[in-house]
Amino acid sequence: MHPPRRGQRAAAAVVVLLRIIVVLLLLSSSNGFSSSFVPTAASTTGTARTRSTFTRLPMRAALVYEAKAGSPLLEAMSQAVGQALYKDASACALEPTTGGGSAGGGGASTGAAKDTKTGAKYFYKSTGLWGLNMLLAEYKGIKAMHDTQTIRTPTPVAVGTSDSQAFVVFEYLSMGGSR
């Protein structure tokens, strides 16, 4: 009997990860999550991050960052990313950039933003406040896949709310191929 091939192992890993996502979705819909910021894990230094060092960031438990009243979406995301990566809400300043992709049918908008202070690029999804649990479940599902180090996934960075929107922020992965 031959051991499973690499493709078979990857397929089995994807099935396990999909089961994890389903469980997380069920938990998120039944437990309800707090919408206040929950600090976790040890601090990282405030130095600029490059693509090669981004994946070495310590993974933190899911953060739900609630921005100050009146904060527009990009400002709230900047605060959440700054708090998650540098323990300083003012350490990040996001501005819109290209490459965010297109939204699927789930009611969320997608986009890309670049940190003007470090040059790091992020992918984000946003929706109405009603979608916070959906985005938190996505954050946790991607984190569970990321933690297995079986397949390449974007590093989950932050999840939170602005005045009228919920959002989730991930490491930006360039999906375009070059020849």
N, C-alpha and C. Protein backbone atom coordinates (compact mmCIF):
# COMPACT_ATOMS: atom_id res chain seq x y z
N MET A 1 0.84 -1.17 0.00
CA MET A 1 0.00 0.00 0.00
C MET A 1 0.89 1.24 0.00
N HIS A 2 0.58 2.20 -0.86
CA HIS A 2 1.38 3.41 -0.99
C HIS A 2 0.88 4.49 -0.04
N PRO A 3 1.80 5.31 0.50
CA PRO A 3 1.35 6.43 1.33
C PRO A 3 0.59 7.44 0.48
N PRO A 4 -0.28 8.25 1.10
CA PRO A 4 -1.05 9.23 0.32
C PRO A 4 -0.12 10.20 -0.40
N ARG A 5 -0.51 10.59 -1.59
CA ARG A 5 0.26 11.56 -2.35
C ARG A 5 0.05 12.95 -1.79
N ARG A 6 0.92 13.85 -2.18
CA ARG A 6 0.86 15.22 -1.69
C ARG A 6 -0.51 15.85 -1.96
N GLY A 7 -1.05 15.65 -3.14
CA GLY A 7 -2.35 16.22 -3.49
C GLY A 7 -3.46 15.66 -2.61
N GLN A 8 -3.36 14.37 -2.28
CA GLN A 8 -4.37 13.75 -1.42
C GLN A 8 -4.28 14.31 0.00
N ARG A 9 -3.06 14.53 0.48
CA ARG A 9 -2.88 15.11 1.82
C ARG A 9 -3.43 16.52 1.86
N ALA A 10 -3.18 17.29 0.81
CA ALA A 10 -3.68 18.66 0.76
C ALA A 10 -5.21 18.67 0.72
N ALA A 11 -5.79 17.77 -0.05
CA ALA A 11 -7.25 17.69 -0.12
C ALA A 11 -7.84 17.32 1.24
N ALA A 12 -7.20 16.38 1.94
CA ALA A 12 -7.67 16.00 3.27
C ALA A 12 -7.55 17.17 4.24
N ALA A 13 -6.48 17.94 4.12
CA ALA A 13 -6.30 19.12 4.99
C ALA A 13 -7.38 20.16 4.71
N VAL A 14 -7.73 20.36 3.46
CA VAL A 14 -8.78 21.32 3.12
C VAL A 14 -10.12 20.88 3.70
N VAL A 15 -10.42 19.59 3.66
CA VAL A 15 -11.68 19.08 4.23
C VAL A 15 -11.70 19.36 5.74
N VAL A 16 -10.60 19.09 6.43
CA VAL A 16 -10.53 19.36 7.86
C VAL A 16 -10.72 20.85 8.13
N LEU A 17 -10.07 21.70 7.35
CA LEU A 17 -10.18 23.13 7.56
C LEU A 17 -11.59 23.63 7.29
N LEU A 18 -12.26 23.09 6.29
CA LEU A 18 -13.64 23.47 6.03
C LEU A 18 -14.54 23.08 7.20
N ARG A 19 -14.28 21.94 7.80
CA ARG A 19 -15.05 21.54 8.99
C ARG A 19 -14.83 22.52 10.13
N ILE A 20 -13.59 22.98 10.30
CA ILE A 20 -13.28 23.97 11.34
C ILE A 20 -14.07 25.24 11.08
N ILE A 21 -14.11 25.68 9.84
CA ILE A 21 -14.84 26.90 9.50
C ILE A 21 -16.32 26.75 9.82
N VAL A 22 -16.90 25.62 9.49
CA VAL A 22 -18.32 25.38 9.77
C VAL A 22 -18.56 25.45 11.28
N VAL A 23 -17.70 24.82 12.07
CA VAL A 23 -17.85 24.87 13.52
C VAL A 23 -17.75 26.31 14.02
N LEU A 24 -16.78 27.06 13.51
CA LEU A 24 -16.63 28.46 13.92
C LEU A 24 -17.84 29.29 13.54
N LEU A 25 -18.39 29.06 12.36
CA LEU A 25 -19.59 29.78 11.96
C LEU A 25 -20.76 29.45 12.88
N LEU A 26 -20.90 28.18 13.23
CA LEU A 26 -21.97 27.79 14.15
C LEU A 26 -21.78 28.41 15.51
N LEU A 27 -20.53 28.44 16.00
CA LEU A 27 -20.26 29.06 17.29
C LEU A 27 -20.53 30.55 17.26
N SER A 28 -20.13 31.21 16.16
CA SER A 28 -20.32 32.67 16.10
C SER A 28 -21.80 33.03 16.07
N SER A 29 -22.62 32.21 15.45
CA SER A 29 -24.04 32.54 15.38
C SER A 29 -24.77 32.21 16.67
N SER A 30 -24.24 31.27 17.47
CA SER A 30 -24.95 30.90 18.68
C SER A 30 -24.46 31.62 19.92
N ASN A 31 -23.20 32.03 19.96
CA ASN A 31 -22.66 32.63 21.17
C ASN A 31 -22.72 34.15 21.19
N GLY A 32 -22.72 34.80 20.05
CA GLY A 32 -22.66 36.25 20.02
C GLY A 32 -21.31 36.70 20.55
N PHE A 33 -20.71 37.69 19.96
CA PHE A 33 -19.40 38.13 20.39
C PHE A 33 -19.47 39.57 20.86
N SER A 34 -18.61 39.89 21.78
CA SER A 34 -18.53 41.24 22.30
C SER A 34 -18.02 42.17 21.21
N SER A 35 -18.49 43.40 21.19
CA SER A 35 -18.00 44.35 20.20
C SER A 35 -17.06 45.36 20.83
N SER A 36 -16.45 45.02 21.97
CA SER A 36 -15.45 45.90 22.55
C SER A 36 -14.08 45.32 22.27
N PHE A 37 -13.07 46.16 22.30
CA PHE A 37 -11.72 45.71 22.00
C PHE A 37 -11.20 44.82 23.12
N VAL A 38 -10.62 43.69 22.74
CA VAL A 38 -10.07 42.75 23.71
C VAL A 38 -8.58 42.61 23.42
N PRO A 39 -7.69 43.22 24.24
CA PRO A 39 -6.26 43.11 23.96
C PRO A 39 -5.77 41.70 24.25
N THR A 40 -4.81 41.23 23.44
CA THR A 40 -4.26 39.89 23.62
C THR A 40 -2.79 39.85 23.26
N ALA A 41 -2.12 38.82 23.69
CA ALA A 41 -0.75 38.46 23.32
C ALA A 41 0.27 39.56 23.55
N ALA A 42 1.53 39.20 23.33
CA ALA A 42 2.64 40.11 23.57
C ALA A 42 2.78 41.13 22.45
N SER A 43 3.39 42.23 22.77
CA SER A 43 3.59 43.32 21.80
C SER A 43 4.67 42.97 20.79
N THR A 44 4.56 43.57 19.61
CA THR A 44 5.63 43.46 18.63
C THR A 44 6.27 44.84 18.51
N THR A 45 7.44 44.92 17.94
CA THR A 45 8.10 46.20 17.81
C THR A 45 7.42 47.03 16.75
N GLY A 46 7.64 48.33 16.79
CA GLY A 46 7.00 49.23 15.85
C GLY A 46 7.76 49.41 14.55
N THR A 47 8.61 48.49 14.19
CA THR A 47 9.38 48.64 12.96
C THR A 47 8.55 48.28 11.75
N ALA A 48 8.97 48.79 10.61
CA ALA A 48 8.26 48.49 9.36
C ALA A 48 8.36 47.00 9.05
N ARG A 49 7.29 46.45 8.53
CA ARG A 49 7.26 45.03 8.21
C ARG A 49 7.37 44.86 6.69
N THR A 50 8.09 43.85 6.28
CA THR A 50 8.18 43.54 4.85
C THR A 50 7.44 42.25 4.59
N ARG A 51 7.26 41.92 3.32
CA ARG A 51 6.55 40.68 2.96
C ARG A 51 7.19 39.47 3.61
N SER A 52 8.52 39.44 3.69
CA SER A 52 9.19 38.26 4.24
C SER A 52 9.02 38.14 5.75
N THR A 53 8.85 39.24 6.47
CA THR A 53 8.70 39.16 7.92
C THR A 53 7.25 39.15 8.35
N PHE A 54 6.31 39.46 7.45
CA PHE A 54 4.91 39.58 7.84
C PHE A 54 4.38 38.29 8.42
N THR A 55 4.74 37.16 7.85
CA THR A 55 4.19 35.89 8.31
C THR A 55 4.76 35.48 9.66
N ARG A 56 5.80 36.15 10.13
CA ARG A 56 6.38 35.80 11.42
C ARG A 56 5.77 36.60 12.57
N LEU A 57 4.78 37.44 12.28
CA LEU A 57 4.12 38.18 13.34
C LEU A 57 3.44 37.21 14.27
N PRO A 58 3.47 37.49 15.57
CA PRO A 58 2.76 36.58 16.48
C PRO A 58 1.27 36.61 16.18
N MET A 59 0.67 35.43 16.12
CA MET A 59 -0.77 35.36 15.88
C MET A 59 -1.48 35.68 17.18
N ARG A 60 -2.47 36.52 17.10
CA ARG A 60 -3.23 36.92 18.27
C ARG A 60 -4.62 36.33 18.18
N ALA A 61 -5.25 36.20 19.33
CA ALA A 61 -6.65 35.76 19.34
C ALA A 61 -7.46 36.83 18.61
N ALA A 62 -8.64 36.50 18.19
CA ALA A 62 -9.47 37.43 17.43
C ALA A 62 -9.64 38.73 18.20
N LEU A 63 -9.43 39.85 17.52
CA LEU A 63 -9.62 41.16 18.09
C LEU A 63 -10.90 41.73 17.53
N VAL A 64 -11.70 42.29 18.37
CA VAL A 64 -12.83 43.06 17.88
C VAL A 64 -12.59 44.47 18.38
N TYR A 65 -12.16 45.33 17.46
CA TYR A 65 -11.81 46.69 17.79
C TYR A 65 -13.00 47.60 17.50
N GLU A 66 -13.43 48.34 18.50
CA GLU A 66 -14.53 49.28 18.33
C GLU A 66 -13.92 50.68 18.27
N ALA A 67 -14.00 51.31 17.12
CA ALA A 67 -13.40 52.63 16.92
C ALA A 67 -14.17 53.71 17.68
N LYS A 68 -13.52 54.84 17.85
CA LYS A 68 -14.16 55.99 18.48
C LYS A 68 -15.37 56.42 17.67
N ALA A 69 -16.35 56.98 18.34
CA ALA A 69 -17.55 57.47 17.66
C ALA A 69 -17.15 58.47 16.58
N GLY A 70 -17.78 58.36 15.43
CA GLY A 70 -17.52 59.28 14.33
C GLY A 70 -16.37 58.88 13.44
N SER A 71 -15.70 57.76 13.72
CA SER A 71 -14.56 57.33 12.90
C SER A 71 -15.03 56.75 11.58
N PRO A 72 -14.53 57.29 10.46
CA PRO A 72 -14.83 56.67 9.17
C PRO A 72 -14.14 55.31 9.06
N LEU A 73 -14.54 54.53 8.07
CA LEU A 73 -14.06 53.16 7.93
C LEU A 73 -12.53 53.05 7.91
N LEU A 74 -11.85 53.78 7.01
CA LEU A 74 -10.39 53.63 6.92
C LEU A 74 -9.68 54.07 8.19
N GLU A 75 -10.20 55.08 8.85
CA GLU A 75 -9.62 55.51 10.12
C GLU A 75 -9.78 54.41 11.18
N ALA A 76 -10.97 53.81 11.24
CA ALA A 76 -11.21 52.72 12.20
C ALA A 76 -10.30 51.52 11.90
N MET A 77 -10.15 51.19 10.61
CA MET A 77 -9.26 50.08 10.24
C MET A 77 -7.82 50.42 10.60
N SER A 78 -7.39 51.65 10.37
CA SER A 78 -6.04 52.08 10.74
C SER A 78 -5.80 51.89 12.23
N GLN A 79 -6.76 52.30 13.03
CA GLN A 79 -6.64 52.16 14.49
C GLN A 79 -6.56 50.70 14.89
N ALA A 80 -7.41 49.87 14.28
CA ALA A 80 -7.43 48.44 14.62
C ALA A 80 -6.12 47.75 14.24
N VAL A 81 -5.60 48.05 13.04
CA VAL A 81 -4.34 47.46 12.60
C VAL A 81 -3.20 47.95 13.49
N GLY A 82 -3.15 49.24 13.78
CA GLY A 82 -2.11 49.78 14.67
C GLY A 82 -2.15 49.11 16.04
N GLN A 83 -3.35 48.96 16.59
CA GLN A 83 -3.49 48.33 17.90
C GLN A 83 -3.10 46.86 17.85
N ALA A 84 -3.52 46.15 16.81
CA ALA A 84 -3.23 44.71 16.70
C ALA A 84 -1.75 44.43 16.50
N LEU A 85 -1.09 45.22 15.66
CA LEU A 85 0.31 44.93 15.33
C LEU A 85 1.32 45.65 16.22
N TYR A 86 0.97 46.85 16.69
CA TYR A 86 1.95 47.66 17.41
C TYR A 86 1.51 48.10 18.79
N LYS A 87 0.29 47.67 19.22
CA LYS A 87 -0.30 48.09 20.49
C LYS A 87 -0.39 49.61 20.58
N ASP A 88 -0.56 50.26 19.43
CA ASP A 88 -0.68 51.72 19.35
C ASP A 88 -1.63 52.05 18.21
N ALA A 89 -2.81 52.51 18.54
CA ALA A 89 -3.84 52.77 17.53
C ALA A 89 -3.42 53.83 16.53
N SER A 90 -2.44 54.66 16.86
CA SER A 90 -2.01 55.71 15.94
C SER A 90 -0.81 55.30 15.10
N ALA A 91 -0.37 54.05 15.20
CA ALA A 91 0.84 53.59 14.51
C ALA A 91 0.62 53.26 13.04
N CYS A 92 -0.60 53.32 12.56
CA CYS A 92 -0.92 52.93 11.20
C CYS A 92 -1.82 53.99 10.57
N ALA A 93 -1.57 54.30 9.31
CA ALA A 93 -2.41 55.25 8.58
C ALA A 93 -2.72 54.64 7.21
N LEU A 94 -3.91 54.07 7.07
CA LEU A 94 -4.28 53.40 5.83
C LEU A 94 -4.89 54.38 4.84
N GLU A 95 -4.56 54.15 3.57
CA GLU A 95 -5.21 54.88 2.48
C GLU A 95 -5.58 53.87 1.40
N PRO A 96 -6.64 54.14 0.66
CA PRO A 96 -7.07 53.17 -0.37
C PRO A 96 -6.00 52.99 -1.44
N THR A 97 -5.94 51.79 -1.99
CA THR A 97 -5.03 51.49 -3.08
C THR A 97 -5.71 50.47 -3.98
N THR A 98 -5.05 50.09 -5.04
CA THR A 98 -5.64 49.15 -6.00
C THR A 98 -5.38 47.72 -5.57
N GLY A 99 -6.13 46.80 -6.14
CA GLY A 99 -5.88 45.38 -5.93
C GLY A 99 -6.77 44.71 -4.91
N GLY A 100 -7.90 45.30 -4.59
CA GLY A 100 -8.77 44.72 -3.56
C GLY A 100 -9.68 43.63 -4.06
N GLY A 101 -9.73 43.39 -5.34
CA GLY A 101 -10.58 42.33 -5.85
C GLY A 101 -12.02 42.79 -5.97
N SER A 102 -12.91 41.83 -6.14
CA SER A 102 -14.33 42.16 -6.26
C SER A 102 -15.10 41.40 -5.21
N ALA A 103 -16.23 41.95 -4.84
CA ALA A 103 -17.04 41.32 -3.80
C ALA A 103 -17.79 40.13 -4.37
N GLY A 104 -17.97 39.13 -3.54
CA GLY A 104 -18.78 37.97 -3.91
C GLY A 104 -20.24 38.28 -3.63
N GLY A 105 -21.04 37.28 -3.40
CA GLY A 105 -22.45 37.49 -3.17
C GLY A 105 -22.83 37.57 -1.71
N GLY A 106 -21.88 37.72 -0.81
CA GLY A 106 -22.17 37.66 0.61
C GLY A 106 -22.57 38.96 1.26
N GLY A 107 -22.68 40.04 0.50
CA GLY A 107 -23.07 41.31 1.08
C GLY A 107 -21.93 42.14 1.61
N ALA A 108 -20.70 41.69 1.46
CA ALA A 108 -19.54 42.43 1.94
C ALA A 108 -18.84 43.09 0.76
N SER A 109 -18.25 44.26 1.01
CA SER A 109 -17.42 44.94 0.01
C SER A 109 -15.97 44.60 0.31
N THR A 110 -15.14 44.57 -0.74
CA THR A 110 -13.72 44.28 -0.54
C THR A 110 -12.89 45.44 -1.07
N GLY A 111 -11.66 45.52 -0.58
CA GLY A 111 -10.76 46.55 -1.03
C GLY A 111 -9.35 46.28 -0.56
N ALA A 112 -8.46 47.15 -0.94
CA ALA A 112 -7.07 47.08 -0.49
C ALA A 112 -6.68 48.44 0.04
N ALA A 113 -5.81 48.45 1.03
CA ALA A 113 -5.34 49.68 1.63
C ALA A 113 -3.85 49.54 1.92
N LYS A 114 -3.15 50.66 1.83
CA LYS A 114 -1.72 50.69 2.08
C LYS A 114 -1.44 51.57 3.29
N ASP A 115 -0.56 51.11 4.16
CA ASP A 115 -0.16 51.88 5.33
C ASP A 115 0.90 52.89 4.88
N THR A 116 0.60 54.17 5.00
CA THR A 116 1.53 55.21 4.57
C THR A 116 2.76 55.30 5.46
N LYS A 117 2.69 54.74 6.65
CA LYS A 117 3.83 54.80 7.58
C LYS A 117 4.82 53.67 7.37
N THR A 118 4.34 52.48 6.99
CA THR A 118 5.24 51.33 6.85
C THR A 118 5.32 50.79 5.43
N GLY A 119 4.36 51.15 4.58
CA GLY A 119 4.33 50.63 3.23
C GLY A 119 3.64 49.28 3.11
N ALA A 120 3.20 48.70 4.22
CA ALA A 120 2.52 47.40 4.19
C ALA A 120 1.16 47.55 3.50
N LYS A 121 0.77 46.51 2.79
CA LYS A 121 -0.50 46.53 2.07
C LYS A 121 -1.43 45.48 2.69
N TYR A 122 -2.70 45.83 2.80
CA TYR A 122 -3.68 44.96 3.44
C TYR A 122 -4.90 44.79 2.54
N PHE A 123 -5.55 43.64 2.68
CA PHE A 123 -6.83 43.36 2.03
C PHE A 123 -7.90 43.46 3.12
N TYR A 124 -9.03 44.07 2.78
CA TYR A 124 -10.09 44.15 3.78
C TYR A 124 -11.45 43.83 3.19
N LYS A 125 -12.36 43.46 4.07
CA LYS A 125 -13.77 43.28 3.74
C LYS A 125 -14.54 44.14 4.72
N SER A 126 -15.62 44.74 4.24
CA SER A 126 -16.46 45.52 5.13
C SER A 126 -17.92 45.27 4.80
N THR A 127 -18.77 45.48 5.78
CA THR A 127 -20.20 45.29 5.63
C THR A 127 -20.89 46.12 6.70
N GLY A 128 -22.20 46.09 6.72
CA GLY A 128 -22.92 46.78 7.78
C GLY A 128 -22.62 46.13 9.13
N LEU A 129 -22.98 46.81 10.19
CA LEU A 129 -22.73 46.28 11.53
C LEU A 129 -23.36 44.91 11.74
N TRP A 130 -24.43 44.64 11.01
CA TRP A 130 -25.10 43.34 11.10
C TRP A 130 -24.17 42.20 10.71
N GLY A 131 -23.11 42.46 9.96
CA GLY A 131 -22.21 41.41 9.47
C GLY A 131 -21.00 41.15 10.34
N LEU A 132 -20.94 41.76 11.54
CA LEU A 132 -19.76 41.59 12.39
C LEU A 132 -19.49 40.12 12.70
N ASN A 133 -20.51 39.37 13.10
CA ASN A 133 -20.29 37.96 13.44
C ASN A 133 -19.79 37.17 12.23
N MET A 134 -20.29 37.49 11.04
CA MET A 134 -19.84 36.82 9.82
C MET A 134 -18.35 37.09 9.59
N LEU A 135 -17.93 38.35 9.74
CA LEU A 135 -16.53 38.69 9.50
C LEU A 135 -15.63 38.13 10.60
N LEU A 136 -16.12 38.10 11.83
CA LEU A 136 -15.34 37.51 12.92
C LEU A 136 -15.15 36.02 12.68
N ALA A 137 -16.19 35.34 12.21
CA ALA A 137 -16.07 33.91 11.90
C ALA A 137 -15.08 33.70 10.76
N GLU A 138 -15.10 34.58 9.76
CA GLU A 138 -14.13 34.47 8.66
C GLU A 138 -12.71 34.66 9.18
N TYR A 139 -12.52 35.65 10.05
CA TYR A 139 -11.21 35.90 10.66
C TYR A 139 -10.73 34.63 11.37
N LYS A 140 -11.60 34.04 12.19
CA LYS A 140 -11.22 32.85 12.95
C LYS A 140 -10.97 31.65 12.04
N GLY A 141 -11.76 31.51 10.99
CA GLY A 141 -11.57 30.40 10.06
C GLY A 141 -10.25 30.52 9.31
N ILE A 142 -9.94 31.72 8.82
CA ILE A 142 -8.66 31.93 8.12
C ILE A 142 -7.51 31.75 9.10
N LYS A 143 -7.67 32.19 10.34
CA LYS A 143 -6.62 32.02 11.34
C LYS A 143 -6.38 30.53 11.60
N ALA A 144 -7.47 29.75 11.70
CA ALA A 144 -7.32 28.30 11.92
C ALA A 144 -6.57 27.66 10.76
N MET A 145 -6.89 28.05 9.53
CA MET A 145 -6.16 27.51 8.37
C MET A 145 -4.71 27.97 8.39
N HIS A 146 -4.49 29.26 8.70
CA HIS A 146 -3.14 29.82 8.74
C HIS A 146 -2.27 29.08 9.76
N ASP A 147 -2.86 28.79 10.91
CA ASP A 147 -2.12 28.14 11.99
C ASP A 147 -1.67 26.72 11.65
N THR A 148 -2.35 26.05 10.72
CA THR A 148 -1.94 24.70 10.34
C THR A 148 -0.67 24.71 9.50
N GLN A 149 -0.37 25.82 8.87
CA GLN A 149 0.77 25.95 7.97
C GLN A 149 0.75 24.86 6.90
N THR A 150 -0.46 24.45 6.50
CA THR A 150 -0.63 23.43 5.46
C THR A 150 -0.77 24.08 4.09
N ILE A 151 -1.57 25.13 4.03
CA ILE A 151 -1.75 25.87 2.78
C ILE A 151 -1.47 27.34 3.07
N ARG A 152 -1.11 28.08 2.05
CA ARG A 152 -0.79 29.51 2.21
C ARG A 152 -2.09 30.29 2.30
N THR A 153 -2.25 31.00 3.39
CA THR A 153 -3.39 31.87 3.58
C THR A 153 -2.88 33.23 4.02
N PRO A 154 -3.67 34.28 3.85
CA PRO A 154 -3.23 35.57 4.36
C PRO A 154 -3.24 35.57 5.88
N THR A 155 -2.33 36.30 6.47
CA THR A 155 -2.31 36.43 7.92
C THR A 155 -3.47 37.31 8.36
N PRO A 156 -4.36 36.83 9.23
CA PRO A 156 -5.43 37.68 9.75
C PRO A 156 -4.83 38.76 10.64
N VAL A 157 -5.27 40.00 10.48
CA VAL A 157 -4.68 41.10 11.24
C VAL A 157 -5.66 41.64 12.28
N ALA A 158 -6.86 42.05 11.87
CA ALA A 158 -7.78 42.67 12.81
C ALA A 158 -9.22 42.55 12.32
N VAL A 159 -10.13 42.66 13.26
CA VAL A 159 -11.56 42.71 12.95
C VAL A 159 -12.16 43.75 13.90
N GLY A 160 -13.11 44.52 13.40
CA GLY A 160 -13.67 45.55 14.26
C GLY A 160 -14.83 46.28 13.64
N THR A 161 -15.17 47.43 14.25
CA THR A 161 -16.29 48.23 13.78
C THR A 161 -15.93 49.70 13.74
N SER A 162 -16.55 50.40 12.79
CA SER A 162 -16.56 51.86 12.78
C SER A 162 -17.97 52.25 13.22
N ASP A 163 -18.36 53.48 13.00
CA ASP A 163 -19.70 53.91 13.40
C ASP A 163 -20.81 53.07 12.75
N SER A 164 -20.65 52.77 11.47
CA SER A 164 -21.75 52.12 10.77
C SER A 164 -21.35 50.85 10.03
N GLN A 165 -20.10 50.42 10.16
CA GLN A 165 -19.64 49.27 9.40
C GLN A 165 -18.79 48.34 10.26
N ALA A 166 -18.83 47.07 9.89
CA ALA A 166 -17.92 46.07 10.46
C ALA A 166 -16.87 45.76 9.40
N PHE A 167 -15.68 45.38 9.83
CA PHE A 167 -14.60 45.11 8.88
C PHE A 167 -13.69 44.02 9.40
N VAL A 168 -12.96 43.41 8.47
CA VAL A 168 -11.91 42.47 8.78
C VAL A 168 -10.73 42.82 7.87
N VAL A 169 -9.51 42.73 8.41
CA VAL A 169 -8.30 43.10 7.67
C VAL A 169 -7.34 41.91 7.68
N PHE A 170 -6.80 41.61 6.48
CA PHE A 170 -5.86 40.52 6.30
C PHE A 170 -4.61 41.03 5.61
N GLU A 171 -3.52 40.28 5.73
CA GLU A 171 -2.33 40.52 4.93
C GLU A 171 -2.75 40.49 3.45
N TYR A 172 -2.17 41.35 2.65
CA TYR A 172 -2.48 41.37 1.22
C TYR A 172 -1.59 40.35 0.53
N LEU A 173 -2.21 39.45 -0.22
CA LEU A 173 -1.48 38.49 -1.04
C LEU A 173 -1.74 38.82 -2.49
N SER A 174 -0.69 39.00 -3.26
CA SER A 174 -0.85 39.25 -4.68
C SER A 174 -1.23 37.95 -5.36
N MET A 175 -2.39 37.93 -5.98
CA MET A 175 -2.88 36.70 -6.60
C MET A 175 -2.54 36.64 -8.08
N GLY A 176 -2.03 37.71 -8.63
CA GLY A 176 -1.69 37.73 -10.06
C GLY A 176 -0.37 37.00 -10.29
N GLY A 177 -0.32 36.24 -11.34
CA GLY A 177 0.91 35.53 -11.69
C GLY A 177 1.78 36.37 -12.61
N SER A 178 3.06 36.11 -12.58
CA SER A 178 3.98 36.78 -13.51
C SER A 178 4.75 35.70 -14.24
N ARG A 179 5.13 36.00 -15.44
CA ARG A 179 5.85 35.02 -16.25
C ARG A 179 7.27 35.39 -16.41
